[in-house]
């Protein structure tokens, strides 16, 4: 039976994939099909992109707006961090975490399993299997818990305790790979299995992009990836391997304390009449206005547009048309849990102390360390390549693809129907018998607003492929004012 293995290198910039640092992945990429325009969804943070991968939908539809977002069912005024145990509590209160089925749910209808094993945040792991207490749906394996829950102690008894987290996180990656090969692939043999490496994301957040620690992390992670390739070759299985990353990373210029600055600007605090709630997500921030008041949302947007650290600003349909903003629906964000305004911080192509380009303002964090979440081209891209009997060999494809396309493509490879609610498309041009895709239609969307003596403007390029809908979110952005000009 055809199988699919997904490997995610969390936060990996493509510059790290070199024969010196990552010989196994470099060789794999040269012999597979490279998706050179594969993109995350906005905000470019982990957990909503993990949800996009396994649901085939954008955030407005699957229901998770960001790593940190306001979920009224969880708390009316305090943003929820999408981690354990908060996600389990959300499921207890509402009966669901995501609004649509995941790959685990869809495969179970055919009696097939999806098993995810990962080192990284508990939220990322949980979202691959939000209904995972049901043992018939497969499993999630993580350093802190497993789904179903009893599986955790069984695996500790068999494979030992997880090593302590250090930077680089190499010991945990080695333990994870052993568990993945010996238990997930060899014993459980699921139709779809996912292996999520926390590197280089952990080391980039902790030490900065392209640091010696990050470079060592990639050497060590590549060794584990090589173990996977060796196992697949030795097994002789009909296995297709998709390698991707959830987002790229940038270096923090300055951390902006948004709630404090809003108070200084005269906006009411969360929970007060007319209050504004902020959920910072690294290079992006989500804003929620009391009662979705359009006048307050307009004043907030104008204030943001005047700040030198502000980039593109998107508005929900519920607050109406706000001058200078673009609609969140362009990027598949608008939905039941979407924010009233979403901001991408400004960025530049300047280099950090280790020679890695890409600097960005951030909602908190330490200057010089890594972050992500914005529309910066250094974050808003992925290194994505696939190899196996279902895929073309030794080729590159430049049509626009995105994380919502992974689930329908996997279903197609397995010979299963793609449900009508899925918003992504099958990446047919990457498949061995697939026809070349027509060049993506790129739509340019602009918005301008005069703020005092300055002009704020933004430009988003949104790619579409025929009837498949939006396949990538922000393609480009520009901010012009008297004080700052940032280009993508």
Foldseek 3Di string as FASTA:
>chain_A
DEAEEEEAAAQDFPVLPDCVLFVLVVVVFQWFEWAFFAWFFFQLAQQQSLLLQFFLAHCQQFPDQAQWADDVLQPNFGTDRQAPPSLVVSCVRPVDNTPGDTNLVVVLVVQFEEEEEEEDTRRSQCSNPVVQCPVSSYKTHYLVAIRVGVVHVVCCVVQNHADDADQVRLSNLVSRLVCCLVPVCPPVNTRYYYYYYHPPVVVLQVANPPDPSRSNSSNSNSVSVVVVVVSCVVVVDQYKYKYKYSWHKAFEAEADQVQVVCVVVPQDDTPDQQHKHWTWAWQKIFIATVVLALVSVLVVVLVLLPDQFWWAKEADPSSPDHFQHHHPVLRNQHHDRHGGMMTGTFKAQDAAPNGHGIYHHGNDGDGRGMGGRHPPPRTTGMGITMDGQFFDTSYYAHAHAYSSQNNVQSCVVVVHDDDPVNLGHHPQCGTPPRDHFDHWDWDKDKGWDDRVPWIFMWIFIFTDGPPSHTRGHGPWIWTGIPPDIGTD
